[in-house]
């Protein structure tokens, strides 16, 4: 599925095909969850009874880098 406009532009995006399961608002929420993670992390989507029900975020820290937080590269 390709976007008709480049990432970072404002306004509506046109998709090459329609969304099947997610709503545009849910896509935005997933994008924000990914953006909020540091350099290591996971976003899990939990589907219940055919619909997206939960977004789980796991933010990890690299212990080899000392006590620096996950938001530092």
N, C-alpha and C. Protein backbone atom coordinates (compact mmCIF):
# COMPACT_ATOMS: atom_id res chain seq x y z
N UNK A 1 0.86 -1.18 0.00
CA UNK A 1 0.00 0.00 0.00
C UNK A 1 0.90 1.23 0.00
N UNK A 2 0.82 2.03 -1.01
CA UNK A 2 1.67 3.21 -1.11
C UNK A 2 0.87 4.48 -0.85
N UNK A 3 1.55 5.46 -0.30
CA UNK A 3 0.92 6.75 -0.03
C UNK A 3 1.09 7.65 -1.24
N UNK A 4 0.08 8.44 -1.52
CA UNK A 4 0.13 9.34 -2.67
C UNK A 4 0.96 10.59 -2.39
N UNK A 5 1.15 10.93 -1.12
CA UNK A 5 1.94 12.11 -0.76
C UNK A 5 3.12 11.67 0.09
N UNK A 6 4.12 12.52 0.14
CA UNK A 6 5.32 12.21 0.92
C UNK A 6 5.03 12.31 2.41
N UNK A 7 5.78 11.54 3.19
CA UNK A 7 5.65 11.57 4.64
C UNK A 7 5.97 12.96 5.16
N UNK A 8 5.23 13.38 6.18
CA UNK A 8 5.48 14.67 6.79
C UNK A 8 4.67 15.81 6.22
N UNK A 9 3.93 15.56 5.17
CA UNK A 9 3.09 16.62 4.63
C UNK A 9 1.79 16.69 5.41
N UNK A 10 1.20 17.86 5.44
CA UNK A 10 -0.06 18.04 6.17
C UNK A 10 -1.23 17.77 5.25
N UNK A 11 -2.35 17.45 5.85
CA UNK A 11 -3.56 17.21 5.06
C UNK A 11 -3.85 15.73 4.92
N UNK A 12 -4.81 15.44 4.08
CA UNK A 12 -5.22 14.06 3.87
C UNK A 12 -4.25 13.33 2.95
N UNK A 13 -4.10 12.04 3.20
CA UNK A 13 -3.28 11.20 2.35
C UNK A 13 -4.19 10.27 1.55
N UNK A 14 -3.87 10.07 0.32
CA UNK A 14 -4.63 9.14 -0.51
C UNK A 14 -3.89 7.81 -0.55
N UNK A 15 -4.59 6.72 -0.32
CA UNK A 15 -4.01 5.39 -0.35
C UNK A 15 -4.30 4.75 -1.70
N UNK A 16 -3.41 3.87 -2.12
CA UNK A 16 -3.61 3.19 -3.39
C UNK A 16 -4.74 2.16 -3.32
N UNK A 17 -5.08 1.73 -2.11
CA UNK A 17 -6.22 0.84 -1.88
C UNK A 17 -6.86 1.20 -0.55
N UNK A 18 -8.12 0.86 -0.34
CA UNK A 18 -8.80 1.24 0.90
C UNK A 18 -8.29 0.44 2.10
N UNK A 19 -8.40 1.05 3.27
CA UNK A 19 -8.08 0.33 4.51
C UNK A 19 -9.12 -0.76 4.73
N UNK A 20 -8.68 -1.91 5.20
CA UNK A 20 -9.59 -3.03 5.41
C UNK A 20 -10.01 -3.12 6.87
N UNK A 21 -9.06 -2.97 7.79
CA UNK A 21 -9.37 -3.16 9.20
C UNK A 21 -9.25 -1.88 10.02
N UNK A 22 -8.24 -1.09 9.76
CA UNK A 22 -7.97 0.09 10.57
C UNK A 22 -8.72 1.31 10.04
N UNK A 23 -9.05 2.20 10.95
CA UNK A 23 -9.60 3.49 10.58
C UNK A 23 -8.43 4.48 10.45
N UNK A 24 -8.62 5.59 9.76
CA UNK A 24 -7.55 6.58 9.69
C UNK A 24 -7.09 7.05 11.08
N UNK A 25 -8.00 7.16 12.03
CA UNK A 25 -7.64 7.56 13.40
C UNK A 25 -6.75 6.50 14.06
N UNK A 26 -7.05 5.23 13.82
CA UNK A 26 -6.23 4.16 14.40
C UNK A 26 -4.84 4.15 13.78
N UNK A 27 -4.74 4.41 12.48
CA UNK A 27 -3.44 4.50 11.82
C UNK A 27 -2.63 5.62 12.46
N UNK A 28 -3.26 6.75 12.72
CA UNK A 28 -2.60 7.87 13.37
C UNK A 28 -2.13 7.50 14.78
N UNK A 29 -2.96 6.79 15.52
CA UNK A 29 -2.58 6.37 16.87
C UNK A 29 -1.39 5.41 16.86
N UNK A 30 -1.36 4.50 15.90
CA UNK A 30 -0.23 3.57 15.77
C UNK A 30 1.03 4.36 15.43
N UNK A 31 0.93 5.31 14.52
CA UNK A 31 2.08 6.13 14.15
C UNK A 31 2.60 6.91 15.35
N UNK A 32 1.72 7.47 16.14
CA UNK A 32 2.14 8.23 17.33
C UNK A 32 2.79 7.32 18.37
N UNK A 33 2.28 6.10 18.51
CA UNK A 33 2.88 5.15 19.45
C UNK A 33 4.30 4.81 19.01
N UNK A 34 4.50 4.57 17.72
CA UNK A 34 5.84 4.29 17.20
C UNK A 34 6.77 5.48 17.39
N UNK A 35 6.27 6.68 17.13
CA UNK A 35 7.09 7.89 17.25
C UNK A 35 7.50 8.16 18.70
N UNK A 36 6.69 7.72 19.66
CA UNK A 36 6.98 7.99 21.07
C UNK A 36 8.06 7.08 21.64
N UNK A 37 8.43 6.03 20.93
CA UNK A 37 9.44 5.10 21.42
C UNK A 37 10.83 5.64 21.18
N UNK A 38 11.76 5.20 22.00
CA UNK A 38 13.16 5.52 21.80
C UNK A 38 13.72 4.66 20.69
N UNK A 39 15.05 4.49 20.65
CA UNK A 39 15.68 3.73 19.57
C UNK A 39 15.37 2.23 19.61
N UNK A 40 14.92 1.72 20.76
CA UNK A 40 14.56 0.32 20.89
C UNK A 40 13.14 0.24 21.40
N UNK A 41 12.32 -0.57 20.81
CA UNK A 41 10.96 -0.71 21.31
C UNK A 41 10.09 -1.50 20.37
N UNK A 42 8.90 -1.79 20.85
CA UNK A 42 7.92 -2.54 20.07
C UNK A 42 6.56 -1.91 20.23
N UNK A 43 5.77 -2.01 19.19
CA UNK A 43 4.35 -1.66 19.26
C UNK A 43 3.60 -2.91 18.83
N UNK A 44 2.72 -3.38 19.68
CA UNK A 44 1.92 -4.56 19.37
C UNK A 44 0.48 -4.15 19.21
N UNK A 45 -0.14 -4.69 18.17
CA UNK A 45 -1.55 -4.45 17.93
C UNK A 45 -2.30 -5.70 18.34
N UNK A 46 -3.32 -5.53 19.17
CA UNK A 46 -4.10 -6.67 19.66
C UNK A 46 -5.49 -6.61 19.04
N UNK A 47 -5.80 -7.65 18.32
CA UNK A 47 -7.09 -7.75 17.64
C UNK A 47 -8.00 -8.67 18.45
N UNK A 48 -9.20 -8.19 18.77
CA UNK A 48 -10.18 -8.98 19.52
C UNK A 48 -11.50 -8.95 18.74
N UNK A 49 -12.03 -10.12 18.48
CA UNK A 49 -13.30 -10.26 17.76
C UNK A 49 -13.30 -9.48 16.45
N UNK A 50 -12.18 -9.56 15.73
CA UNK A 50 -12.11 -8.96 14.41
C UNK A 50 -11.80 -7.47 14.36
N UNK A 51 -11.60 -6.84 15.52
CA UNK A 51 -11.32 -5.40 15.53
C UNK A 51 -10.07 -5.11 16.37
N UNK A 52 -9.35 -4.05 15.96
CA UNK A 52 -8.22 -3.60 16.76
C UNK A 52 -8.74 -3.13 18.11
N UNK A 53 -8.23 -3.73 19.17
CA UNK A 53 -8.74 -3.42 20.51
C UNK A 53 -7.71 -2.68 21.36
N UNK A 54 -6.44 -3.06 21.25
CA UNK A 54 -5.40 -2.47 22.09
C UNK A 54 -4.15 -2.18 21.28
N UNK A 55 -3.42 -1.16 21.72
CA UNK A 55 -2.07 -0.89 21.26
C UNK A 55 -1.18 -1.01 22.50
N UNK A 56 -0.21 -1.91 22.43
CA UNK A 56 0.72 -2.09 23.54
C UNK A 56 2.09 -1.56 23.13
N UNK A 57 2.71 -0.76 24.00
CA UNK A 57 4.04 -0.23 23.73
C UNK A 57 5.03 -0.86 24.69
N UNK A 58 6.18 -1.24 24.17
CA UNK A 58 7.28 -1.74 24.99
C UNK A 58 8.50 -0.92 24.63
N UNK A 59 8.99 -0.13 25.56
CA UNK A 59 10.16 0.71 25.34
C UNK A 59 11.33 0.05 26.05
N UNK A 60 12.40 -0.23 25.33
CA UNK A 60 13.55 -0.92 25.89
C UNK A 60 14.73 0.01 26.02
N UNK A 61 15.68 -0.38 26.86
CA UNK A 61 16.89 0.40 27.07
C UNK A 61 18.10 -0.48 26.85
N UNK A 62 19.11 0.05 26.20
CA UNK A 62 20.35 -0.67 25.94
C UNK A 62 21.25 -0.56 27.17
N UNK A 63 21.42 -1.65 27.89
CA UNK A 63 22.21 -1.63 29.12
C UNK A 63 23.70 -1.51 28.85
N UNK A 64 24.13 -1.78 27.64
CA UNK A 64 25.55 -1.64 27.31
C UNK A 64 25.96 -0.18 27.20
N UNK A 65 25.00 0.72 27.11
CA UNK A 65 25.28 2.15 27.01
C UNK A 65 25.25 2.84 28.38
N UNK A 66 25.29 2.10 29.46
CA UNK A 66 25.28 2.69 30.78
C UNK A 66 23.89 3.05 31.23
N UNK A 67 23.73 4.17 31.92
CA UNK A 67 22.45 4.57 32.50
C UNK A 67 21.65 5.50 31.60
N UNK A 68 22.09 5.71 30.37
CA UNK A 68 21.36 6.62 29.48
C UNK A 68 19.99 6.06 29.17
N UNK A 69 19.00 6.94 29.03
CA UNK A 69 17.63 6.54 28.75
C UNK A 69 17.46 6.08 27.33
N UNK A 70 16.28 5.54 27.05
CA UNK A 70 15.99 4.98 25.73
C UNK A 70 15.82 6.04 24.66
N UNK A 71 15.66 7.30 25.06
CA UNK A 71 15.45 8.34 24.05
C UNK A 71 16.75 8.92 23.52
N UNK A 72 17.87 8.43 24.01
CA UNK A 72 19.17 8.89 23.52
C UNK A 72 19.73 7.84 22.58
N UNK A 73 20.23 8.28 21.46
CA UNK A 73 20.79 7.33 20.48
C UNK A 73 22.24 7.02 20.79
